[in-house]
């Protein structure tokens, strides 16, 4: 999934969205594919990946849908969030100061979502979200695919070994390098507490939108047994476990994932 020349790669994020909260300013790199008259479909990546993990599926589905892709604020092509001067944002430590937590991510994505919403005649978009990205917003259909590092040169080797665990099959050198850069850039961190804050409200998700959960059977980061537990908590209509796939199922089983995504778009 190497990045191609912007002149030939229709998924290059050539558009910019800016937003501001009481404490921060944000810039998000984004792109839409196909005419706005097509049904809207949004792809959201998780932490700390990028929209590149969705490229093949975004391109394939753009033949029938108006596809939206973006890099979350402070990740990949999107610049690091900027703290506004003279604000009351006073983090307890450096980790919290750098933390791209779900609260701020959700705030920015909500603003981005509202800017896209102006292009839709009515209804809500479909959404495919990986990792914690599924916590961001309310959509027509949701498919949820599911401190600091040592300051020395060995960190790259540590990160590489860590990332190798996300795949069931061996990642290519290009894919591995691209994913590694996302981890190393600015050493952004996500707090465990960010997800714990909303866990008690998971059941509300299934009450307002249909949910499908897709899980890699060989996930080494989050055990497959948690798929059933999370599916029940979310009130998911379907939980699918894909064999021979790890945490980054998009790399291990792209074809099978495409089948599951396609089925979900037509089943309701």
Foldseek 3Di string as FASTA:
>chain_A
DDDDDPVPQQFPQPDWDWDDDLWWIWIKGKHKADDLVAAEEEEAEDPAAAQVLCRVLQVVCSVRGTYMGIGQTVFDPINHIGTDPPGPDDDPDPLVVLAPFPVVSLVVVVVVLVVSVVSHPDAFHEYEYEDVRQVRDAGAEYEYEYQFDDPDPCSLVVLLVVVCLQWLDGDDPSVSVNRSCRCPVVNHDYDPVRVVVCLVVLCVRVVRYAYEYEYECSAPPDHPVVQVVSCVSNVHPYYHYDYNTYRSNCVRPVPVVSVVVVCRVPVD
